[in-house]
C-alpha atoms as a PDB file:
ATOM      1  CA  MET A   1      23.126  -4.616  -6.221  1.00  0.00           C
ATOM      2  CA  LYS A   2      25.383  -7.584  -5.451  1.00  0.00           C
ATOM      3  CA  THR A   3      28.313  -5.813  -7.157  1.00  0.00           C
ATOM      4  CA  LEU A   4      27.743  -2.696  -5.065  1.00  0.00           C
ATOM      5  CA  LEU A   5      27.596  -4.752  -1.877  1.00  0.00           C
ATOM      6  CA  PHE A   6      30.808  -6.573  -2.820  1.00  0.00           C
ATOM      7  CA  LEU A   7      32.628  -3.294  -3.585  1.00  0.00           C
ATOM      8  CA  SER A   8      31.401  -1.760  -0.315  1.00  0.00           C
ATOM      9  CA  LEU A   9      32.638  -4.772   1.650  1.00  0.00           C
ATOM     10  CA  LEU A  10      35.978  -4.712  -0.167  1.00  0.00           C
ATOM     11  CA  PHE A  11      36.420  -0.990   0.535  1.00  0.00           C
ATOM     12  CA  PHE A  12      35.514  -1.486   4.194  1.00  0.00           C
ATOM     13  CA  THR A  13      37.974  -4.375   4.496  1.00  0.00           C
ATOM     14  CA  LEU A  14      40.824  -2.391   2.960  1.00  0.00           C
ATOM     15  CA  PHE A  15      39.975   0.644   5.105  1.00  0.00           C
ATOM     16  CA  ALA A  16      39.862  -1.499   8.253  1.00  0.00           C
ATOM     17  CA  GLN A  17      43.189  -3.116   7.409  1.00  0.00           C
ATOM     18  CA  ASN A  18      44.836   0.314   7.356  1.00  0.00           C
ATOM     19  CA  ASP A  19      43.833   0.782  11.024  1.00  0.00           C
ATOM     20  CA  PHE A  20      46.070  -2.145  11.935  1.00  0.00           C
ATOM     21  CA  LEU A  21      49.169  -1.535   9.793  1.00  0.00           C
ATOM     22  CA  LEU A  22      51.040   0.017  12.741  1.00  0.00           C
ATOM     23  CA  CYS A  23      50.225  -3.027  14.877  1.00  0.00           C
ATOM     24  CA  LYS A  24      51.618  -5.320  12.195  1.00  0.00           C
ATOM     25  CA  GLN A  25      54.777  -3.217  12.078  1.00  0.00           C
ATOM     26  CA  LYS A  26      55.037  -3.328  15.871  1.00  0.00           C
ATOM     27  CA  LEU A  27      54.810  -7.135  15.806  1.00  0.00           C
ATOM     28  CA  GLN A  28      57.659  -7.187  13.291  1.00  0.00           C
ATOM     29  CA  ASP A  29      59.821  -4.662  15.189  1.00  0.00           C
ATOM     30  CA  SER A  30      59.373  -6.567  18.472  1.00  0.00           C
ATOM     31  CA  HIS A  31      60.345  -9.848  16.743  1.00  0.00           C
ATOM     32  CA  SER A  32      57.069 -11.389  17.905  1.00  0.00           C
ATOM     33  CA  PHE A  33      57.058 -13.579  14.787  1.00  0.00           C
ATOM     34  CA  TYR A  34      59.994 -15.779  13.868  1.00  0.00           C
ATOM     35  CA  ASN A  35      60.107 -18.802  11.546  1.00  0.00           C
ATOM     36  CA  ASN A  36      56.315 -18.924  11.448  1.00  0.00           C
ATOM     37  CA  LYS A  37      56.140 -19.066  15.249  1.00  0.00           C
ATOM     38  CA  LEU A  38      54.723 -16.542  17.705  1.00  0.00           C
ATOM     39  CA  TYR A  39      56.830 -15.141  20.561  1.00  0.00           C
ATOM     40  CA  LEU A  40      54.634 -12.288  21.768  1.00  0.00           C
ATOM     41  CA  LEU A  41      56.498  -9.556  23.663  1.00  0.00           C
ATOM     42  CA  LEU A  42      54.565  -8.344  26.720  1.00  0.00           C
ATOM     43  CA  GLU A  43      55.119  -5.984  29.625  1.00  0.00           C
ATOM     44  CA  ASN A  44      57.660  -6.765  32.353  1.00  0.00           C
ATOM     45  CA  ASN A  45      60.070  -8.017  29.706  1.00  0.00           C
ATOM     46  CA  LEU A  46      58.187 -11.272  29.139  1.00  0.00           C
ATOM     47  CA  ARG A  47      57.453 -13.311  26.026  1.00  0.00           C
ATOM     48  CA  VAL A  48      54.581 -15.774  25.638  1.00  0.00           C
ATOM     49  CA  SER A  49      54.830 -18.559  23.079  1.00  0.00           C
ATOM     50  CA  SER A  50      52.955 -21.713  22.155  1.00  0.00           C
ATOM     51  CA  GLU A  51      56.230 -23.313  21.078  1.00  0.00           C
ATOM     52  CA  PRO A  52      59.498 -23.857  22.990  1.00  0.00           C
ATOM     53  CA  ILE A  53      62.425 -21.574  22.179  1.00  0.00           C
ATOM     54  CA  LYS A  54      65.450 -23.682  21.348  1.00  0.00           C
ATOM     55  CA  GLY A  55      68.328 -23.201  23.772  1.00  0.00           C
ATOM     56  CA  GLU A  56      66.301 -21.118  26.264  1.00  0.00           C
ATOM     57  CA  LYS A  57      64.855 -22.172  29.611  1.00  0.00           C
ATOM     58  CA  ALA A  58      61.180 -21.331  30.104  1.00  0.00           C
ATOM     59  CA  LEU A  59      60.101 -19.534  33.259  1.00  0.00           C
ATOM     60  CA  LYS A  60      56.808 -21.444  33.141  1.00  0.00           C
ATOM     61  CA  TYR A  61      55.108 -24.083  31.020  1.00  0.00           C
ATOM     62  CA  ASP A  62      51.380 -24.749  30.891  1.00  0.00           C
ATOM     63  CA  PRO A  63      50.521 -28.201  29.471  1.00  0.00           C
ATOM     64  CA  PHE A  64      46.802 -27.389  29.647  1.00  0.00           C
ATOM     65  CA  LEU A  65      47.156 -24.841  26.796  1.00  0.00           C
ATOM     66  CA  SER A  66      50.717 -25.583  25.668  1.00  0.00           C
ATOM     67  CA  LEU A  67      51.998 -22.111  26.582  1.00  0.00           C
ATOM     68  CA  TYR A  68      55.555 -21.137  27.455  1.00  0.00           C
ATOM     69  CA  LEU A  69      56.734 -18.036  29.330  1.00  0.00           C
ATOM     70  CA  TYR A  70      60.213 -16.642  28.695  1.00  0.00           C
ATOM     71  CA  LYS A  71      62.274 -13.677  29.875  1.00  0.00           C
ATOM     72  CA  ASN A  72      62.912 -11.350  26.956  1.00  0.00           C
ATOM     73  CA  LYS A  73      66.575 -10.821  26.060  1.00  0.00           C
ATOM     74  CA  GLN A  74      66.078  -7.924  23.669  1.00  0.00           C
ATOM     75  CA  ASN A  75      65.399  -4.266  24.404  1.00  0.00           C
ATOM     76  CA  PHE A  76      62.088  -2.979  23.082  1.00  0.00           C
ATOM     77  CA  GLN A  77      60.518   0.185  24.439  1.00  0.00           C
ATOM     78  CA  TYR A  78      56.884  -0.514  23.605  1.00  0.00           C
ATOM     79  CA  PRO A  79      55.765  -4.046  24.560  1.00  0.00           C
ATOM     80  CA  PHE A  80      52.211  -5.220  23.961  1.00  0.00           C
ATOM     81  CA  ARG A  81      49.537  -4.742  26.599  1.00  0.00           C
ATOM     82  CA  PHE A  82      46.227  -6.511  27.097  1.00  0.00           C
ATOM     83  CA  ASN A  83      42.940  -4.928  26.036  1.00  0.00           C
ATOM     84  CA  HIS A  84      40.552  -4.174  28.901  1.00  0.00           C
ATOM     85  CA  LEU A  85      38.151  -1.923  26.979  1.00  0.00           C
ATOM     86  CA  PRO A  86      34.888  -3.529  25.738  1.00  0.00           C
ATOM     87  CA  LYS A  87      33.379  -3.396  22.256  1.00  0.00           C
ATOM     88  CA  ARG A  88      36.465  -2.366  20.339  1.00  0.00           C
ATOM     89  CA  LYS A  89      36.942  -3.450  16.736  1.00  0.00           C
ATOM     90  CA  LYS A  90      39.672  -6.014  16.306  1.00  0.00           C
ATOM     91  CA  ALA A  91      41.807  -7.780  13.737  1.00  0.00           C
ATOM     92  CA  ILE A  92      43.736 -11.020  13.511  1.00  0.00           C
ATOM     93  CA  ILE A  93      47.305 -10.295  12.469  1.00  0.00           C
ATOM     94  CA  SER A  94      49.784 -12.932  11.321  1.00  0.00           C
ATOM     95  CA  GLU A  95      53.168 -12.474   9.658  1.00  0.00           C
ATOM     96  CA  ASN A  96      51.518 -11.899   6.289  1.00  0.00           C
ATOM     97  CA  VAL A  97      47.809 -11.287   6.893  1.00  0.00           C
ATOM     98  CA  ILE A  98      45.610  -8.639   8.489  1.00  0.00           C
ATOM     99  CA  LYS A  99      42.077  -9.982   8.863  1.00  0.00           C
ATOM    100  CA  PRO A 100      39.561  -7.521  10.395  1.00  0.00           C
ATOM    101  CA  ILE A 101      36.892  -8.939  12.694  1.00  0.00           C
ATOM    102  CA  PHE A 102      33.689  -7.106  11.851  1.00  0.00           C
ATOM    103  CA  TYR A 103      31.489  -8.505  14.603  1.00  0.00           C
ATOM    104  CA  THR A 104      31.587 -11.047  17.411  1.00  0.00           C
ATOM    105  CA  PRO A 105      28.252 -12.672  18.354  1.00  0.00           C
ATOM    106  CA  HIS A 106      29.657 -13.561  21.762  1.00  0.00           C
ATOM    107  CA  GLN A 107      33.039 -13.410  23.387  1.00  0.00           C
ATOM    108  CA  VAL A 108      34.932 -16.650  23.014  1.00  0.00           C
ATOM    109  CA  LYS A 109      37.675 -17.055  25.606  1.00  0.00           C
ATOM    110  CA  LEU A 110      39.034 -20.443  24.612  1.00  0.00           C
ATOM    111  CA  LEU A 111      38.601 -22.466  21.432  1.00  0.00           C
ATOM    112  CA  LEU A 112      40.892 -25.474  21.131  1.00  0.00           C
ATOM    113  CA  GLU A 113      40.449 -26.305  17.475  1.00  0.00           C
ATOM    114  CA  PRO A 114      42.547 -25.291  14.433  1.00  0.00           C
ATOM    115  CA  LEU A 115      41.948 -21.738  13.188  1.00  0.00           C
ATOM    116  CA  LYS A 116      43.464 -19.677  10.391  1.00  0.00           C
ATOM    117  CA  PRO A 117      45.557 -17.635  10.070  1.00  0.00           C
ATOM    118  CA  ASN A 118      47.946 -18.968  12.686  1.00  0.00           C
ATOM    119  CA  PRO A 119      50.094 -18.166  14.484  1.00  0.00           C
ATOM    120  CA  ALA A 120      48.527 -14.754  14.940  1.00  0.00           C
ATOM    121  CA  VAL A 121      47.608 -12.064  17.447  1.00  0.00           C
ATOM    122  CA  VAL A 122      44.136 -10.551  17.912  1.00  0.00           C
ATOM    123  CA  VAL A 123      44.504  -6.817  18.580  1.00  0.00           C
ATOM    124  CA  THR A 124      42.573  -3.545  18.692  1.00  0.00           C
ATOM    125  CA  PRO A 125      43.577  -0.545  16.509  1.00  0.00           C
ATOM    126  CA  CYS A 126      45.618   0.741  19.476  1.00  0.00           C
ATOM    127  CA  CYS A 127      47.521  -2.562  19.426  1.00  0.00           C
ATOM    128  CA  PHE A 128      46.102  -3.823  22.702  1.00  0.00           C
ATOM    129  CA  VAL A 129      46.050  -7.626  22.757  1.00  0.00           C
ATOM    130  CA  GLU A 130      42.723  -9.456  22.856  1.00  0.00           C
ATOM    131  CA  GLY A 131      44.178 -12.963  22.414  1.00  0.00           C
ATOM    132  CA  ILE A 132      46.453 -15.173  20.351  1.00  0.00           C
ATOM    133  CA  VAL A 133      45.818 -17.825  17.716  1.00  0.00           C
ATOM    134  CA  THR A 134      48.110 -20.855  17.818  1.00  0.00           C
ATOM    135  CA  LYS A 135      48.073 -23.981  15.674  1.00  0.00           C
ATOM    136  CA  ARG A 136      45.936 -25.546  18.435  1.00  0.00           C
ATOM    137  CA  GLY A 137      43.304 -22.817  18.641  1.00  0.00           C
ATOM    138  CA  TYR A 138      42.370 -19.439  20.134  1.00  0.00           C
ATOM    139  CA  ILE A 139      43.488 -18.337  23.626  1.00  0.00           C
ATOM    140  CA  SER A 140      42.045 -15.106  25.056  1.00  0.00           C
ATOM    141  CA  LYS A 141      43.812 -12.469  27.112  1.00  0.00           C
ATOM    142  CA  GLU A 142      42.047 -13.783  30.244  1.00  0.00           C
ATOM    143  CA  PHE A 143      43.752 -17.157  29.896  1.00  0.00           C
ATOM    144  CA  ILE A 144      47.134 -15.643  29.007  1.00  0.00           C
ATOM    145  CA  GLU A 145      47.021 -13.372  32.064  1.00  0.00           C
ATOM    146  CA  HIS A 146      45.914 -16.302  34.218  1.00  0.00           C
ATOM    147  CA  PHE A 147      48.818 -18.366  32.887  1.00  0.00           C
ATOM    148  CA  ILE A 148      51.308 -15.596  33.710  1.00  0.00           C
ATOM    149  CA  ASN A 149      49.982 -14.866  37.207  1.00  0.00           C
ATOM    150  CA  LYS A 150      48.584 -18.196  38.449  1.00  0.00           C
ATOM    151  CA  ASP A 151      49.807 -21.783  38.699  1.00  0.00           C
ATOM    152  CA  SER A 152      46.581 -23.734  38.170  1.00  0.00           C
ATOM    153  CA  TYR A 153      43.022 -23.730  36.812  1.00  0.00           C
ATOM    154  CA  GLY A 154      39.787 -24.265  38.701  1.00  0.00           C
ATOM    155  CA  ASP A 155      37.710 -27.459  38.831  1.00  0.00           C
ATOM    156  CA  ILE A 156      34.332 -27.863  40.540  1.00  0.00           C
ATOM    157  CA  GLY A 157      33.746 -31.428  39.359  1.00  0.00           C
ATOM    158  CA  VAL A 158      31.657 -30.897  36.219  1.00  0.00           C
ATOM    159  CA  ARG A 159      31.977 -30.450  32.469  1.00  0.00           C
ATOM    160  CA  VAL A 160      29.447 -27.944  31.159  1.00  0.00           C
ATOM    161  CA  GLY A 161      28.012 -27.496  27.645  1.00  0.00           C
ATOM    162  CA  LYS A 162      27.397 -24.296  25.699  1.00  0.00           C
ATOM    163  CA  ASP A 163      23.853 -24.145  27.100  1.00  0.00           C
ATOM    164  CA  ALA A 164      25.309 -23.911  30.641  1.00  0.00           C
ATOM    165  CA  LYS A 165      23.954 -27.377  31.453  1.00  0.00           C
ATOM    166  CA  VAL A 166      26.088 -29.999  33.164  1.00  0.00           C
ATOM    167  CA  MET A 167      27.060 -32.686  30.631  1.00  0.00           C
ATOM    168  CA  SER A 168      29.077 -34.929  32.947  1.00  0.00           C
ATOM    169  CA  VAL A 169      29.679 -35.107  36.683  1.00  0.00           C
ATOM    170  CA  ASP A 170      33.006 -36.168  38.172  1.00  0.00           C
ATOM    171  CA  ILE A 171      31.912 -38.856  40.602  1.00  0.00           C
ATOM    172  CA  LEU A 172      35.506 -39.086  41.881  1.00  0.00           C
ATOM    173  CA  PHE A 173      35.199 -35.453  43.051  1.00  0.00           C
ATOM    174  CA  PRO A 174      34.643 -35.403  46.854  1.00  0.00           C
ATOM    175  CA  ASN A 175      31.121 -34.396  47.934  1.00  0.00           C
ATOM    176  CA  ASN A 176      30.107 -33.469  44.409  1.00  0.00           C
ATOM    177  CA  PRO A 177      26.683 -31.741  44.671  1.00  0.00           C
ATOM    178  CA  PHE A 178      25.878 -31.609  40.953  1.00  0.00           C
ATOM    179  CA  LYS A 179      23.656 -33.755  38.754  1.00  0.00           C
ATOM    180  CA  LYS A 180      23.665 -34.150  34.999  1.00  0.00           C
ATOM    181  CA  GLY A 181      21.296 -31.580  33.493  1.00  0.00           C
ATOM    182  CA  ASP A 182      21.805 -28.949  36.212  1.00  0.00           C
ATOM    183  CA  LYS A 183      22.043 -25.483  34.675  1.00  0.00           C
ATOM    184  CA  ILE A 184      24.774 -23.273  36.139  1.00  0.00           C
ATOM    185  CA  LEU A 185      23.477 -19.736  36.745  1.00  0.00           C
ATOM    186  CA  TYR A 186      26.051 -18.001  38.957  1.00  0.00           C
ATOM    187  CA  LEU A 187      29.543 -18.607  40.316  1.00  0.00           C
ATOM    188  CA  GLY A 188      29.507 -16.518  43.460  1.00  0.00           C
ATOM    189  CA  LYS A 189      27.870 -13.246  42.384  1.00  0.00           C
ATOM    190  CA  LYS A 190      29.103 -13.490  38.793  1.00  0.00           C
ATOM    191  CA  ARG A 191      26.704 -14.685  36.108  1.00  0.00           C
ATOM    192  CA  TYR A 192      27.948 -17.862  34.442  1.00  0.00           C
ATOM    193  CA  ASN A 193      28.818 -17.528  30.735  1.00  0.00           C
ATOM    194  CA  SER A 194      30.998 -20.475  29.760  1.00  0.00           C
ATOM    195  CA  MET A 195      33.261 -23.258  31.032  1.00  0.00           C
ATOM    196  CA  ALA A 196      36.071 -20.700  30.917  1.00  0.00           C
ATOM    197  CA  ASP A 197      34.532 -19.030  33.993  1.00  0.00           C
ATOM    198  CA  ILE A 198      35.137 -22.231  35.982  1.00  0.00           C
ATOM    199  CA  LEU A 199      38.667 -22.737  34.654  1.00  0.00           C
ATOM    200  CA  LEU A 200      39.643 -19.184  35.610  1.00  0.00           C
ATOM    201  CA  LEU A 201      38.538 -19.628  39.234  1.00  0.00           C
ATOM    202  CA  ASP A 202      41.260 -19.528  41.887  1.00  0.00           C
ATOM    203  CA  ALA A 203      41.787 -23.042  43.220  1.00  0.00           C
ATOM    204  CA  GLU A 204      41.681 -24.123  46.866  1.00  0.00           C
ATOM    205  CA  GLN A 205      38.736 -21.959  47.920  1.00  0.00           C
ATOM    206  CA  TYR A 206      35.018 -22.422  48.519  1.00  0.00           C
ATOM    207  CA  ILE A 207      32.527 -20.792  46.150  1.00  0.00           C
ATOM    208  CA  GLU A 208      28.741 -20.618  46.160  1.00  0.00           C
ATOM    209  CA  VAL A 209      27.241 -21.951  42.929  1.00  0.00           C
ATOM    210  CA  THR A 210      23.671 -21.052  41.973  1.00  0.00           C
ATOM    211  CA  LEU A 211      22.031 -23.611  39.695  1.00  0.00           C
ATOM    212  CA  ARG A 212      18.660 -24.588  38.291  1.00  0.00           C
ATOM    213  CA  ARG A 213      17.535 -28.192  38.706  1.00  0.00           C
ATOM    214  CA  GLY A 214      14.192 -28.743  37.034  1.00  0.00           C
ATOM    215  CA  THR A 215      11.950 -25.945  38.338  1.00  0.00           C
ATOM    216  CA  LYS A 216      14.047 -25.316  41.470  1.00  0.00           C
ATOM    217  CA  THR A 217      16.828 -22.767  41.938  1.00  0.00           C
ATOM    218  CA  LEU A 218      19.446 -24.128  44.342  1.00  0.00           C
ATOM    219  CA  LYS A 219      22.618 -22.834  45.953  1.00  0.00           C
ATOM    220  CA  ARG A 220      25.538 -25.160  46.660  1.00  0.00           C
ATOM    221  CA  LYS A 221      28.847 -24.456  48.381  1.00  0.00           C
ATOM    222  CA  VAL A 222      31.623 -26.113  46.390  1.00  0.00           C
ATOM    223  CA  TYR A 223      35.347 -26.460  47.013  1.00  0.00           C
ATOM    224  CA  VAL A 224      37.381 -25.446  43.947  1.00  0.00           C
ATOM    225  CA  GLN A 225      40.118 -27.986  43.275  1.00  0.00           C
ATOM    226  CA  LYS A 226      43.127 -27.622  41.006  1.00  0.00           C
ATOM    227  CA  ARG A 227      42.289 -28.840  37.508  1.00  0.00           C
ATOM    228  CA  VAL A 228      44.479 -31.777  36.484  1.00  0.00           C
ATOM    229  CA  ALA A 229      42.783 -32.637  33.181  1.00  0.00           C
ATOM    230  CA  GLY A 230      41.204 -31.121  30.111  1.00  0.00           C
ATOM    231  CA  GLY A 231      42.308 -28.549  27.591  1.00  0.00           C
ATOM    232  CA  LEU A 232      45.018 -30.228  25.557  1.00  0.00           C
ATOM    233  CA  LEU A 233      45.345 -32.910  28.240  1.00  0.00           C
ATOM    234  CA  SER A 234      43.486 -36.164  28.796  1.00  0.00           C
ATOM    235  CA  ASP A 235      40.059 -35.641  30.415  1.00  0.00           C
ATOM    236  CA  THR A 236      38.518 -38.918  31.625  1.00  0.00           C
ATOM    237  CA  PHE A 237      38.310 -38.033  35.373  1.00  0.00           C
ATOM    238  CA  LEU A 238      40.826 -40.880  35.927  1.00  0.00           C
ATOM    239  CA  GLU A 239      43.690 -38.383  35.835  1.00  0.00           C
ATOM    240  CA  LYS A 240      43.151 -37.942  39.583  1.00  0.00           C
ATOM    241  CA  LYS A 241      44.176 -41.621  39.845  1.00  0.00           C
ATOM    242  CA  GLY A 242      47.291 -40.977  37.754  1.00  0.00           C
ATOM    243  CA  LEU A 243      45.998 -42.442  34.472  1.00  0.00           C
ATOM    244  CA  VAL A 244      46.547 -40.235  31.415  1.00  0.00           C
ATOM    245  CA  PHE A 245      45.068 -41.328  28.064  1.00  0.00           C
ATOM    246  CA  ASP A 246      45.249 -40.172  24.459  1.00  0.00           C
ATOM    247  CA  LYS A 247      42.083 -39.601  22.410  1.00  0.00           C
ATOM    248  CA  LYS A 248      41.973 -43.301  21.434  1.00  0.00           C
ATOM    249  CA  LEU A 249      42.157 -44.318  25.131  1.00  0.00           C
ATOM    250  CA  SER A 250      45.686 -45.710  24.994  1.00  0.00           C
ATOM    251  CA  LEU A 251      47.672 -45.003  28.140  1.00  0.00           C
ATOM    252  CA  MET A 252      50.223 -42.218  27.800  1.00  0.00           C
ATOM    253  CA  GLU A 253      51.289 -41.918  31.456  1.00  0.00           C
ATOM    254  CA  ILE A 254      50.753 -43.790  34.739  1.00  0.00           C
ATOM    255  CA  LEU A 255      51.614 -41.632  37.771  1.00  0.00           C
ATOM    256  CA  PRO A 256      52.550 -43.394  39.964  1.00  0.00           C
ATOM    257  CA  ASN A 257      52.443 -46.851  38.439  1.00  0.00           C
ATOM    258  CA  LYS A 258      50.705 -48.901  41.119  1.00  0.00           C
ATOM    259  CA  TYR A 259      48.345 -50.812  38.834  1.00  0.00           C
ATOM    260  CA  GLY A 260      50.813 -52.909  36.807  1.00  0.00           C
ATOM    261  CA  LEU A 261      49.942 -50.927  33.689  1.00  0.00           C
ATOM    262  CA  VAL A 262      52.370 -49.834  30.975  1.00  0.00           C
ATOM    263  CA  GLN A 263      52.349 -47.115  28.368  1.00  0.00           C
ATOM    264  CA  GLY A 264      50.290 -48.174  25.353  1.00  0.00           C
ATOM    265  CA  ASP A 265      47.753 -50.316  27.257  1.00  0.00           C
ATOM    266  CA  LYS A 266      44.364 -49.652  25.641  1.00  0.00           C
ATOM    267  CA  LEU A 267      41.214 -49.167  27.680  1.00  0.00           C
ATOM    268  CA  LEU A 268      38.265 -51.199  26.330  1.00  0.00           C
ATOM    269  CA  LYS A 269      35.586 -51.183  29.033  1.00  0.00           C
ATOM    270  CA  VAL A 270      34.718 -49.388  32.270  1.00  0.00           C
ATOM    271  CA  ASN A 271      32.428 -51.283  34.640  1.00  0.00           C
ATOM    272  CA  GLY A 272      31.306 -53.544  31.789  1.00  0.00           C
ATOM    273  CA  VAL A 273      30.501 -50.631  29.455  1.00  0.00           C
ATOM    274  CA  ASP A 274      32.309 -50.338  26.110  1.00  0.00           C
ATOM    275  CA  VAL A 275      34.253 -47.063  25.880  1.00  0.00           C
ATOM    276  CA  LEU A 276      35.535 -45.414  22.710  1.00  0.00           C
ATOM    277  CA  THR A 277      35.965 -41.802  23.816  1.00  0.00           C
ATOM    278  CA  GLN A 278      37.050 -39.938  26.918  1.00  0.00           C
ATOM    279  CA  GLU A 279      33.447 -38.804  27.392  1.00  0.00           C
ATOM    280  CA  ASP A 280      32.370 -42.484  27.415  1.00  0.00           C
ATOM    281  CA  VAL A 281      34.794 -43.092  30.287  1.00  0.00           C
ATOM    282  CA  ARG A 282      33.453 -40.135  32.281  1.00  0.00           C
ATOM    283  CA  ARG A 283      29.889 -41.451  31.934  1.00  0.00           C
ATOM    284  CA  ALA A 284      30.746 -45.038  32.923  1.00  0.00           C
ATOM    285  CA  LEU A 285      32.670 -44.325  36.136  1.00  0.00           C
ATOM    286  CA  LYS A 286      31.298 -45.020  39.634  1.00  0.00           C
ATOM    287  CA  PRO A 287      32.287 -43.324  42.924  1.00  0.00           C
ATOM    288  CA  HIS A 288      34.216 -46.431  44.081  1.00  0.00           C
ATOM    289  CA  ASN A 289      35.514 -49.822  42.909  1.00  0.00           C
ATOM    290  CA  ASN A 290      35.746 -49.133  39.189  1.00  0.00           C
ATOM    291  CA  LEU A 291      36.647 -52.168  37.055  1.00  0.00           C
ATOM    292  CA  LEU A 292      38.648 -51.323  33.942  1.00  0.00           C
ATOM    293  CA  LEU A 293      39.283 -53.756  31.089  1.00  0.00           C
ATOM    294  CA  PHE A 294      42.548 -53.204  29.194  1.00  0.00           C
ATOM    295  CA  TRP A 295      44.119 -54.763  26.094  1.00  0.00           C
ATOM    296  CA  ARG A 296      47.848 -55.390  25.680  1.00  0.00           C
ATOM    297  CA  ASP A 297      49.544 -57.429  22.928  1.00  0.00           C
ATOM    298  CA  GLY A 298      46.499 -59.599  22.252  1.00  0.00           C
ATOM    299  CA  PHE A 299      45.611 -60.161  25.930  1.00  0.00           C
ATOM    300  CA  GLU A 300      42.753 -58.616  27.887  1.00  0.00           C
ATOM    301  CA  PHE A 301      42.963 -58.043  31.638  1.00  0.00           C
ATOM    302  CA  PHE A 302      41.092 -56.233  34.400  1.00  0.00           C
ATOM    303  CA  VAL A 303      42.381 -53.520  36.742  1.00  0.00           C
ATOM    304  CA  LYS A 304      40.397 -52.397  39.777  1.00  0.00           C
ATOM    305  CA  ILE A 305      40.582 -48.669  40.626  1.00  0.00           C
ATOM    306  CA  ASN A 306      39.321 -47.657  44.063  1.00  0.00           C
END
């Protein structure tokens, strides 16, 4: 029985791979792979890459996802288009691998953790693009299109878990109406699915958020700010104050430097609370008069952030 199941799965895999051979050839003919890097050719003579192209000036760069947009210099009659048809079978295609995706329990729009194979493109049998896989993770078509057409991501002052509940509240966010534990139900009239829904909001607009707090269903009008943190960037909520940290809480940037800090200063405490992670920092912050303890070359010193 196990042998029969294995042979059936093997046959199905090989059969499914054949559906995507033309897409693999199209990726090769469009020079979308080069030196184990992805330079995906899209409509309007554009290429999207997660790596810079040596000697070429990018039209746009997105540090949030580490994406670059270039003007294509080569003629190719059939560029890739994005998939807008639901429930189509898909495959991950790299330079050397075709890996069919047999089922997807839920649609993931953004997953910033290493995946294999990479770099790769996720396509349908008609070669419509569902997303790309870079060395940093998976980026869906929604985020690629947003990157091409928009200049920022949305921020409503919260970080939300997979259960749609608010994990941390940005107390530096003006008039923040949320509390930890609130469950996000709707953004406007659209049912909330994941944090990606917030990121893909247009900034500098008001939106009505429906949430559940305990047994109550509430509606709150929230101003969508431009996101300045998260993704592949530092995300402590202090980025609004110009402080950019690495994962070990050492300062990477100070913009502008009005606190006497230098690159490499390590954050130890926030308001008397030991901090080891960026999430620790988010939890320890207060709306005003935050006292930060830093370490530099064997000395500890305080910096007050208003």
